[in-house]
C-alpha atoms as a PDB file:
ATOM      1  CA  UNK A   1      26.733  -4.218   4.115  1.00  0.00           C
ATOM      2  CA  UNK A   2      29.456  -1.792   2.971  1.00  0.00           C
ATOM      3  CA  UNK A   3      31.623   0.349   5.216  1.00  0.00           C
ATOM      4  CA  UNK A   4      29.571   3.533   5.090  1.00  0.00           C
ATOM      5  CA  UNK A   5      27.652   2.800   8.282  1.00  0.00           C
ATOM      6  CA  UNK A   6      28.320   5.464  10.895  1.00  0.00           C
ATOM      7  CA  UNK A   7      28.141   5.238  14.651  1.00  0.00           C
ATOM      8  CA  UNK A   8      25.894   2.856  16.555  1.00  0.00           C
ATOM      9  CA  UNK A   9      22.323   3.692  15.608  1.00  0.00           C
ATOM     10  CA  UNK A  10      18.799   2.908  16.700  1.00  0.00           C
ATOM     11  CA  UNK A  11      16.341   1.785  14.032  1.00  0.00           C
ATOM     12  CA  UNK A  12      12.599   1.273  14.494  1.00  0.00           C
ATOM     13  CA  UNK A  13      10.813  -0.957  11.962  1.00  0.00           C
ATOM     14  CA  UNK A  14       7.023  -0.895  11.549  1.00  0.00           C
ATOM     15  CA  UNK A  15       5.132  -3.634   9.773  1.00  0.00           C
ATOM     16  CA  UNK A  16       7.850  -6.006  10.977  1.00  0.00           C
ATOM     17  CA  UNK A  17       5.779  -9.186  10.475  1.00  0.00           C
ATOM     18  CA  UNK A  18       5.092  -8.594   6.788  1.00  0.00           C
ATOM     19  CA  UNK A  19       7.144  -9.776   3.840  1.00  0.00           C
ATOM     20  CA  UNK A  20       9.347  -6.705   3.699  1.00  0.00           C
ATOM     21  CA  UNK A  21       9.353  -6.182   7.474  1.00  0.00           C
ATOM     22  CA  UNK A  22      10.702  -9.651   8.176  1.00  0.00           C
ATOM     23  CA  UNK A  23      13.438  -9.183   5.598  1.00  0.00           C
ATOM     24  CA  UNK A  24      14.422  -5.872   7.193  1.00  0.00           C
ATOM     25  CA  UNK A  25      14.420  -7.261  10.726  1.00  0.00           C
ATOM     26  CA  UNK A  26      16.593 -10.232   9.725  1.00  0.00           C
ATOM     27  CA  UNK A  27      18.991  -8.067   7.723  1.00  0.00           C
ATOM     28  CA  UNK A  28      19.471  -5.181  10.126  1.00  0.00           C
ATOM     29  CA  UNK A  29      19.082  -7.310  13.221  1.00  0.00           C
ATOM     30  CA  UNK A  30      22.000  -9.364  11.982  1.00  0.00           C
ATOM     31  CA  UNK A  31      24.309  -6.340  12.184  1.00  0.00           C
ATOM     32  CA  UNK A  32      25.235  -5.711  15.812  1.00  0.00           C
ATOM     33  CA  UNK A  33      26.166  -2.128  15.112  1.00  0.00           C
ATOM     34  CA  UNK A  34      22.425  -1.349  15.176  1.00  0.00           C
ATOM     35  CA  UNK A  35      19.866  -1.417  17.948  1.00  0.00           C
ATOM     36  CA  UNK A  36      16.669  -2.652  16.252  1.00  0.00           C
ATOM     37  CA  UNK A  37      13.114  -2.418  17.612  1.00  0.00           C
ATOM     38  CA  UNK A  38      10.584  -4.279  15.495  1.00  0.00           C
ATOM     39  CA  UNK A  39       6.866  -3.484  15.757  1.00  0.00           C
ATOM     40  CA  UNK A  40       3.629  -4.942  14.387  1.00  0.00           C
ATOM     41  CA  UNK A  41       0.088  -5.545  15.595  1.00  0.00           C
ATOM     42  CA  UNK A  42       0.732  -9.217  16.361  1.00  0.00           C
ATOM     43  CA  UNK A  43       1.629 -10.280  19.930  1.00  0.00           C
ATOM     44  CA  UNK A  44       4.846 -12.013  18.777  1.00  0.00           C
ATOM     45  CA  UNK A  45       7.450 -11.435  16.025  1.00  0.00           C
ATOM     46  CA  UNK A  46       7.546 -13.781  13.046  1.00  0.00           C
ATOM     47  CA  UNK A  47      11.178 -13.275  12.156  1.00  0.00           C
ATOM     48  CA  UNK A  48      13.483 -15.648  14.035  1.00  0.00           C
ATOM     49  CA  UNK A  49      16.961 -14.571  12.875  1.00  0.00           C
ATOM     50  CA  UNK A  50      18.917 -11.557  14.063  1.00  0.00           C
ATOM     51  CA  UNK A  51      19.119  -9.639  17.305  1.00  0.00           C
ATOM     52  CA  UNK A  52      16.200  -7.264  17.870  1.00  0.00           C
ATOM     53  CA  UNK A  53      13.597  -6.163  20.328  1.00  0.00           C
ATOM     54  CA  UNK A  54       9.891  -6.487  19.595  1.00  0.00           C
ATOM     55  CA  UNK A  55       6.776  -4.710  20.812  1.00  0.00           C
ATOM     56  CA  UNK A  56       3.161  -4.691  19.697  1.00  0.00           C
ATOM     57  CA  UNK A  57       2.081  -1.471  18.004  1.00  0.00           C
ATOM     58  CA  UNK A  58      -0.853  -0.384  15.884  1.00  0.00           C
ATOM     59  CA  UNK A  59       0.373   2.699  14.067  1.00  0.00           C
ATOM     60  CA  UNK A  60      -3.234   3.623  13.456  1.00  0.00           C
ATOM     61  CA  UNK A  61      -3.262   4.642  17.147  1.00  0.00           C
ATOM     62  CA  UNK A  62      -1.743   8.125  17.190  1.00  0.00           C
ATOM     63  CA  UNK A  63      -1.088   8.413  20.924  1.00  0.00           C
ATOM     64  CA  UNK A  64       0.571   4.988  21.165  1.00  0.00           C
ATOM     65  CA  UNK A  65       2.656   5.594  18.048  1.00  0.00           C
ATOM     66  CA  UNK A  66       3.963   8.988  19.067  1.00  0.00           C
ATOM     67  CA  UNK A  67       4.705   7.711  22.594  1.00  0.00           C
ATOM     68  CA  UNK A  68       6.646   4.677  21.368  1.00  0.00           C
ATOM     69  CA  UNK A  69       8.724   6.607  18.834  1.00  0.00           C
ATOM     70  CA  UNK A  70       9.479   9.286  21.417  1.00  0.00           C
ATOM     71  CA  UNK A  71      10.441   6.764  24.100  1.00  0.00           C
ATOM     72  CA  UNK A  72      12.663   4.625  21.853  1.00  0.00           C
ATOM     73  CA  UNK A  73      14.212   7.746  20.322  1.00  0.00           C
ATOM     74  CA  UNK A  74      15.352   6.111  17.069  1.00  0.00           C
ATOM     75  CA  UNK A  75      17.708   7.687  14.588  1.00  0.00           C
ATOM     76  CA  UNK A  76      15.666   6.168  11.773  1.00  0.00           C
ATOM     77  CA  UNK A  77      12.129   4.797  11.405  1.00  0.00           C
ATOM     78  CA  UNK A  78      11.493   2.454   8.480  1.00  0.00           C
ATOM     79  CA  UNK A  79       7.794   2.202   7.687  1.00  0.00           C
ATOM     80  CA  UNK A  80       7.100  -1.143   6.067  1.00  0.00           C
ATOM     81  CA  UNK A  81       3.461  -1.211   7.194  1.00  0.00           C
ATOM     82  CA  UNK A  82       0.599  -0.633   4.741  1.00  0.00           C
ATOM     83  CA  UNK A  83      -2.694  -1.967   3.464  1.00  0.00           C
ATOM     84  CA  UNK A  84      -1.626  -3.391   0.120  1.00  0.00           C
ATOM     85  CA  UNK A  85      -4.613  -5.491  -0.992  1.00  0.00           C
ATOM     86  CA  UNK A  86      -5.601  -3.110  -3.753  1.00  0.00           C
ATOM     87  CA  UNK A  87      -9.135  -4.369  -4.342  1.00  0.00           C
ATOM     88  CA  UNK A  88      -9.940  -4.236  -0.626  1.00  0.00           C
ATOM     89  CA  UNK A  89      -8.578  -0.688  -0.578  1.00  0.00           C
ATOM     90  CA  UNK A  90     -11.134   0.196  -3.270  1.00  0.00           C
ATOM     91  CA  UNK A  91     -14.074  -1.312  -1.388  1.00  0.00           C
ATOM     92  CA  UNK A  92     -12.973  -0.641   2.243  1.00  0.00           C
ATOM     93  CA  UNK A  93     -11.825   2.925   1.832  1.00  0.00           C
ATOM     94  CA  UNK A  94     -12.024   4.034   5.461  1.00  0.00           C
ATOM     95  CA  UNK A  95      -9.765   1.165   6.561  1.00  0.00           C
ATOM     96  CA  UNK A  96      -7.386   1.886   3.655  1.00  0.00           C
ATOM     97  CA  UNK A  97      -7.109   5.595   4.581  1.00  0.00           C
ATOM     98  CA  UNK A  98      -6.452   4.762   8.200  1.00  0.00           C
ATOM     99  CA  UNK A  99      -3.644   2.391   7.306  1.00  0.00           C
ATOM    100  CA  UNK A 100      -2.027   4.255   4.420  1.00  0.00           C
ATOM    101  CA  UNK A 101      -2.512   7.889   5.388  1.00  0.00           C
ATOM    102  CA  UNK A 102      -3.483   8.454   9.011  1.00  0.00           C
ATOM    103  CA  UNK A 103      -0.943   5.922  10.298  1.00  0.00           C
ATOM    104  CA  UNK A 104       1.736   7.670   8.278  1.00  0.00           C
ATOM    105  CA  UNK A 105       0.741  11.007   9.781  1.00  0.00           C
ATOM    106  CA  UNK A 106       1.166   9.447  13.235  1.00  0.00           C
ATOM    107  CA  UNK A 107       4.668   8.265  12.385  1.00  0.00           C
ATOM    108  CA  UNK A 108       5.536  11.693  11.022  1.00  0.00           C
ATOM    109  CA  UNK A 109       4.391  13.263  14.304  1.00  0.00           C
ATOM    110  CA  UNK A 110       6.505  10.809  16.314  1.00  0.00           C
ATOM    111  CA  UNK A 111       9.564  11.347  14.101  1.00  0.00           C
ATOM    112  CA  UNK A 112       9.194  15.126  14.391  1.00  0.00           C
ATOM    113  CA  UNK A 113       9.125  14.915  18.189  1.00  0.00           C
ATOM    114  CA  UNK A 114      12.030  12.459  18.333  1.00  0.00           C
ATOM    115  CA  UNK A 115      14.121  14.135  15.636  1.00  0.00           C
ATOM    116  CA  UNK A 116      14.152  10.905  13.617  1.00  0.00           C
ATOM    117  CA  UNK A 117      14.502  10.299   9.919  1.00  0.00           C
ATOM    118  CA  UNK A 118      11.535   8.502   8.315  1.00  0.00           C
ATOM    119  CA  UNK A 119      11.935   6.063   5.441  1.00  0.00           C
ATOM    120  CA  UNK A 120       8.523   5.445   3.911  1.00  0.00           C
ATOM    121  CA  UNK A 121       7.693   2.758   1.321  1.00  0.00           C
ATOM    122  CA  UNK A 122       5.308   3.655  -1.522  1.00  0.00           C
ATOM    123  CA  UNK A 123       4.240   2.157  -4.815  1.00  0.00           C
ATOM    124  CA  UNK A 124       4.100   2.380  -8.591  1.00  0.00           C
ATOM    125  CA  UNK A 125       0.319   2.640  -8.261  1.00  0.00           C
ATOM    126  CA  UNK A 126       0.715   6.391  -7.799  1.00  0.00           C
ATOM    127  CA  UNK A 127       1.008   6.435 -11.613  1.00  0.00           C
ATOM    128  CA  UNK A 128      -1.737   5.770 -14.135  1.00  0.00           C
ATOM    129  CA  UNK A 129       0.447   3.558 -16.345  1.00  0.00           C
ATOM    130  CA  UNK A 130      -0.317   5.525 -19.505  1.00  0.00           C
ATOM    131  CA  UNK A 131       3.029   7.213 -20.081  1.00  0.00           C
ATOM    132  CA  UNK A 132       5.482   4.749 -18.520  1.00  0.00           C
ATOM    133  CA  UNK A 133       8.367   4.142 -17.987  1.00  0.00           C
ATOM    134  CA  UNK A 134       8.584   6.602 -15.096  1.00  0.00           C
ATOM    135  CA  UNK A 135      11.284   8.550 -13.325  1.00  0.00           C
ATOM    136  CA  UNK A 136      11.110  10.103  -9.858  1.00  0.00           C
ATOM    137  CA  UNK A 137      10.352  13.464 -11.516  1.00  0.00           C
ATOM    138  CA  UNK A 138       7.225  12.307 -13.340  1.00  0.00           C
ATOM    139  CA  UNK A 139       3.850  13.580 -12.128  1.00  0.00           C
ATOM    140  CA  UNK A 140       1.741  10.989 -10.267  1.00  0.00           C
ATOM    141  CA  UNK A 141      -1.838  10.356 -11.365  1.00  0.00           C
ATOM    142  CA  UNK A 142      -3.248   7.365  -9.444  1.00  0.00           C
ATOM    143  CA  UNK A 143      -6.198   5.472 -10.946  1.00  0.00           C
ATOM    144  CA  UNK A 144      -7.720   3.865  -7.890  1.00  0.00           C
ATOM    145  CA  UNK A 145      -8.113   4.400  -4.182  1.00  0.00           C
ATOM    146  CA  UNK A 146      -5.063   2.362  -3.203  1.00  0.00           C
ATOM    147  CA  UNK A 147      -2.834   4.567  -5.346  1.00  0.00           C
ATOM    148  CA  UNK A 148      -4.548   7.696  -4.108  1.00  0.00           C
ATOM    149  CA  UNK A 149      -4.040   6.685  -0.484  1.00  0.00           C
ATOM    150  CA  UNK A 150      -0.369   5.930  -1.053  1.00  0.00           C
ATOM    151  CA  UNK A 151       0.158   9.275  -2.765  1.00  0.00           C
ATOM    152  CA  UNK A 152      -1.564  10.991   0.170  1.00  0.00           C
ATOM    153  CA  UNK A 153       0.822   9.117   2.487  1.00  0.00           C
ATOM    154  CA  UNK A 154       3.772  10.418   0.484  1.00  0.00           C
ATOM    155  CA  UNK A 155       2.439  13.946   0.772  1.00  0.00           C
ATOM    156  CA  UNK A 156       2.067  13.548   4.542  1.00  0.00           C
ATOM    157  CA  UNK A 157       5.755  12.616   4.726  1.00  0.00           C
ATOM    158  CA  UNK A 158       6.834  15.486   2.432  1.00  0.00           C
ATOM    159  CA  UNK A 159       4.868  18.042   4.408  1.00  0.00           C
ATOM    160  CA  UNK A 160       5.855  16.730   7.826  1.00  0.00           C
ATOM    161  CA  UNK A 161       8.944  18.959   8.339  1.00  0.00           C
ATOM    162  CA  UNK A 162      11.137  15.953   9.051  1.00  0.00           C
ATOM    163  CA  UNK A 163      14.165  14.395   7.388  1.00  0.00           C
ATOM    164  CA  UNK A 164      12.762  11.698   5.117  1.00  0.00           C
ATOM    165  CA  UNK A 165      13.165   9.270   2.255  1.00  0.00           C
ATOM    166  CA  UNK A 166      10.284   8.029   0.131  1.00  0.00           C
ATOM    167  CA  UNK A 167      10.941   4.752  -1.742  1.00  0.00           C
ATOM    168  CA  UNK A 168       8.518   3.601  -4.452  1.00  0.00           C
ATOM    169  CA  UNK A 169       8.682  -0.053  -5.432  1.00  0.00           C
ATOM    170  CA  UNK A 170       6.583  -2.634  -7.288  1.00  0.00           C
ATOM    171  CA  UNK A 171       5.785  -6.319  -7.889  1.00  0.00           C
ATOM    172  CA  UNK A 172       7.414  -7.361  -4.647  1.00  0.00           C
ATOM    173  CA  UNK A 173       8.067 -11.083  -4.271  1.00  0.00           C
ATOM    174  CA  UNK A 174       9.828 -13.399  -1.873  1.00  0.00           C
ATOM    175  CA  UNK A 175       9.201 -15.703   1.084  1.00  0.00           C
ATOM    176  CA  UNK A 176       8.554 -15.048   4.781  1.00  0.00           C
ATOM    177  CA  UNK A 177       6.720 -16.735   7.650  1.00  0.00           C
ATOM    178  CA  UNK A 178       2.958 -16.346   7.830  1.00  0.00           C
ATOM    179  CA  UNK A 179       2.557 -13.576   5.262  1.00  0.00           C
ATOM    180  CA  UNK A 180      -0.215 -13.132   2.758  1.00  0.00           C
ATOM    181  CA  UNK A 181       0.645 -14.618  -0.604  1.00  0.00           C
ATOM    182  CA  UNK A 182       2.483 -12.353  -3.005  1.00  0.00           C
ATOM    183  CA  UNK A 183       2.290 -13.059  -6.738  1.00  0.00           C
ATOM    184  CA  UNK A 184       5.200 -15.505  -6.784  1.00  0.00           C
ATOM    185  CA  UNK A 185       4.054 -17.471  -3.717  1.00  0.00           C
ATOM    186  CA  UNK A 186       0.492 -17.681  -5.045  1.00  0.00           C
ATOM    187  CA  UNK A 187       1.736 -18.876  -8.431  1.00  0.00           C
ATOM    188  CA  UNK A 188       4.006 -21.554  -6.931  1.00  0.00           C
ATOM    189  CA  UNK A 189       1.141 -22.823  -4.794  1.00  0.00           C
ATOM    190  CA  UNK A 190      -1.230 -23.058  -7.750  1.00  0.00           C
ATOM    191  CA  UNK A 191       1.250 -24.735 -10.091  1.00  0.00           C
ATOM    192  CA  UNK A 192       2.536 -27.127  -7.462  1.00  0.00           C
ATOM    193  CA  UNK A 193      -1.009 -28.431  -7.097  1.00  0.00           C
ATOM    194  CA  UNK A 194      -1.449 -28.735 -10.863  1.00  0.00           C
ATOM    195  CA  UNK A 195      -4.039 -25.998 -11.073  1.00  0.00           C
ATOM    196  CA  UNK A 196      -4.227 -23.906 -14.277  1.00  0.00           C
ATOM    197  CA  UNK A 197      -3.869 -20.146 -13.885  1.00  0.00           C
ATOM    198  CA  UNK A 198      -4.700 -17.151 -16.020  1.00  0.00           C
ATOM    199  CA  UNK A 199      -2.165 -14.329 -15.861  1.00  0.00           C
ATOM    200  CA  UNK A 200      -2.457 -10.855 -17.351  1.00  0.00           C
ATOM    201  CA  UNK A 201      -0.145 -10.144 -20.277  1.00  0.00           C
ATOM    202  CA  UNK A 202      -0.842  -6.401 -20.500  1.00  0.00           C
ATOM    203  CA  UNK A 203       0.496  -5.349 -17.109  1.00  0.00           C
ATOM    204  CA  UNK A 204       4.185  -4.523 -17.363  1.00  0.00           C
ATOM    205  CA  UNK A 205       6.573  -3.753 -14.503  1.00  0.00           C
ATOM    206  CA  UNK A 206       9.834  -4.512 -12.712  1.00  0.00           C
ATOM    207  CA  UNK A 207       9.593  -7.583 -10.438  1.00  0.00           C
ATOM    208  CA  UNK A 208      11.452  -6.827  -7.209  1.00  0.00           C
ATOM    209  CA  UNK A 209      12.995  -9.355  -4.834  1.00  0.00           C
ATOM    210  CA  UNK A 210      12.139  -8.388  -1.256  1.00  0.00           C
ATOM    211  CA  UNK A 211      15.704  -8.955  -0.003  1.00  0.00           C
ATOM    212  CA  UNK A 212      17.051  -6.532  -2.613  1.00  0.00           C
ATOM    213  CA  UNK A 213      14.563  -3.877  -1.508  1.00  0.00           C
ATOM    214  CA  UNK A 214      15.489  -4.437   2.139  1.00  0.00           C
ATOM    215  CA  UNK A 215      19.152  -3.942   1.301  1.00  0.00           C
ATOM    216  CA  UNK A 216      18.342  -0.665  -0.455  1.00  0.00           C
ATOM    217  CA  UNK A 217      16.287   0.604   2.502  1.00  0.00           C
ATOM    218  CA  UNK A 218      19.062  -0.332   4.908  1.00  0.00           C
ATOM    219  CA  UNK A 219      21.593   1.639   2.893  1.00  0.00           C
ATOM    220  CA  UNK A 220      19.296   4.636   2.728  1.00  0.00           C
ATOM    221  CA  UNK A 221      18.868   4.373   6.503  1.00  0.00           C
ATOM    222  CA  UNK A 222      22.568   4.538   7.304  1.00  0.00           C
ATOM    223  CA  UNK A 223      23.669   6.972   4.586  1.00  0.00           C
ATOM    224  CA  UNK A 224      22.957  10.681   4.674  1.00  0.00           C
ATOM    225  CA  UNK A 225      20.343  10.469   1.902  1.00  0.00           C
ATOM    226  CA  UNK A 226      16.936  12.149   1.642  1.00  0.00           C
ATOM    227  CA  UNK A 227      14.350  12.576  -1.105  1.00  0.00           C
ATOM    228  CA  UNK A 228      12.427  10.302  -3.449  1.00  0.00           C
ATOM    229  CA  UNK A 229      13.763   7.088  -4.986  1.00  0.00           C
ATOM    230  CA  UNK A 230      12.389   4.428  -7.315  1.00  0.00           C
ATOM    231  CA  UNK A 231      13.748   1.028  -6.222  1.00  0.00           C
ATOM    232  CA  UNK A 232      12.903  -2.103  -8.170  1.00  0.00           C
ATOM    233  CA  UNK A 233      14.411  -4.935 -10.165  1.00  0.00           C
ATOM    234  CA  UNK A 234      16.105  -4.010 -13.408  1.00  0.00           C
ATOM    235  CA  UNK A 235      14.272  -6.510 -15.600  1.00  0.00           C
ATOM    236  CA  UNK A 236      11.083  -5.364 -17.331  1.00  0.00           C
ATOM    237  CA  UNK A 237       8.422  -7.939 -18.114  1.00  0.00           C
ATOM    238  CA  UNK A 238       4.692  -8.621 -18.121  1.00  0.00           C
ATOM    239  CA  UNK A 239       3.092 -10.553 -15.270  1.00  0.00           C
ATOM    240  CA  UNK A 240       2.543 -13.388 -17.755  1.00  0.00           C
ATOM    241  CA  UNK A 241       6.210 -13.531 -18.755  1.00  0.00           C
ATOM    242  CA  UNK A 242       7.234 -13.366 -15.088  1.00  0.00           C
ATOM    243  CA  UNK A 243       4.930 -16.281 -14.303  1.00  0.00           C
ATOM    244  CA  UNK A 244       6.357 -18.373 -17.141  1.00  0.00           C
ATOM    245  CA  UNK A 245       9.895 -17.729 -15.944  1.00  0.00           C
ATOM    246  CA  UNK A 246       9.025 -18.669 -12.367  1.00  0.00           C
ATOM    247  CA  UNK A 247       7.469 -21.894 -13.621  1.00  0.00           C
ATOM    248  CA  UNK A 248      10.712 -22.786 -15.405  1.00  0.00           C
ATOM    249  CA  UNK A 249      12.868 -21.939 -12.346  1.00  0.00           C
ATOM    250  CA  UNK A 250      10.775 -24.104 -10.033  1.00  0.00           C
ATOM    251  CA  UNK A 251      10.262 -26.894 -12.562  1.00  0.00           C
ATOM    252  CA  UNK A 252       6.496 -26.588 -13.024  1.00  0.00           C
ATOM    253  CA  UNK A 253       4.393 -27.092 -16.127  1.00  0.00           C
ATOM    254  CA  UNK A 254       4.356 -23.856 -18.156  1.00  0.00           C
ATOM    255  CA  UNK A 255       1.335 -25.002 -20.131  1.00  0.00           C
ATOM    256  CA  UNK A 256      -0.787 -24.486 -16.993  1.00  0.00           C
ATOM    257  CA  UNK A 257      -0.321 -20.708 -17.493  1.00  0.00           C
ATOM    258  CA  UNK A 258      -2.531 -18.957 -20.016  1.00  0.00           C
ATOM    259  CA  UNK A 259      -2.549 -15.233 -20.927  1.00  0.00           C
ATOM    260  CA  UNK A 260      -5.508 -12.915 -20.402  1.00  0.00           C
ATOM    261  CA  UNK A 261      -6.128  -9.186 -20.458  1.00  0.00           C
ATOM    262  CA  UNK A 262      -6.593  -7.053 -17.314  1.00  0.00           C
ATOM    263  CA  UNK A 263     -10.091  -6.046 -18.451  1.00  0.00           C
ATOM    264  CA  UNK A 264     -11.116  -9.705 -18.389  1.00  0.00           C
ATOM    265  CA  UNK A 265     -10.752  -9.844 -14.612  1.00  0.00           C
ATOM    266  CA  UNK A 266     -13.296  -7.090 -13.727  1.00  0.00           C
ATOM    267  CA  UNK A 267     -11.338  -6.156 -10.632  1.00  0.00           C
ATOM    268  CA  UNK A 268     -12.703  -3.391  -8.328  1.00  0.00           C
ATOM    269  CA  UNK A 269      -9.535  -1.291  -8.531  1.00  0.00           C
ATOM    270  CA  UNK A 270      -8.092  -0.267 -11.911  1.00  0.00           C
ATOM    271  CA  UNK A 271      -4.462  -1.208 -12.510  1.00  0.00           C
ATOM    272  CA  UNK A 272      -1.724   0.836 -14.197  1.00  0.00           C
ATOM    273  CA  UNK A 273      -0.752  -1.208 -17.250  1.00  0.00           C
ATOM    274  CA  UNK A 274       2.749   0.173 -17.819  1.00  0.00           C
ATOM    275  CA  UNK A 275       4.155   1.415 -14.532  1.00  0.00           C
ATOM    276  CA  UNK A 276       7.747   0.496 -15.362  1.00  0.00           C
ATOM    277  CA  UNK A 277      10.486   2.371 -13.479  1.00  0.00           C
ATOM    278  CA  UNK A 278      13.532   3.679 -15.246  1.00  0.00           C
ATOM    279  CA  UNK A 279      16.242   2.120 -13.071  1.00  0.00           C
ATOM    280  CA  UNK A 280      19.819   3.318 -13.571  1.00  0.00           C
END
């Protein structure tokens, strides 16, 4: 971490047991200038490194969320919690809305009462993928319910009358304890067992290492920054190309990977095909 960090600060992290949440807890909890409280719905934290407190919290519960944020009185809340299984979001819309919109509204209410800054993580799925690459100034047009819920969450933050940062990211990959498989982990598991996989060649994006995203969120937390940011890896590639490169890195058989089109999968939620970010 660079030298811009100011005085001793309190940081509350939601979704602390997910892929991004664990990276954030380990990173910020390793810096003793910060008092970190990690929260998730599980009874125990999954991250084991760093110094941090932990408490169970379902941010879908408005009263509990507002009470906890008010009592802890953080300078910054980093919301790493979300329902990100896009096909389930399409078929289980009430659950999706509760996690991606109502829960955000609850955090906004808590931050407003506590005078805290909210850093909220969003997605490239707010775009339709027709006119990519995208900048922060481009108009969102989500295709499916997941993207629509995440855009509604962004709007809840923007309209909440609080200091805030919205960070859109995409194709997040990395390793953490007990998390659902991201694209890279799923691929490694399949290839390590010699199973052939079919990967779409017409979805293009910026693969993003979770530790890099956590570093960016940490810097936005401790600097006097507000607004909307696109944060992703610089490299642009298709999911198929990304899979082939991962196979080479881990020493697996590339011939197990075959290209297909998105339309061949008949998935419940439509995907943006070119949601590339313009990263400076």
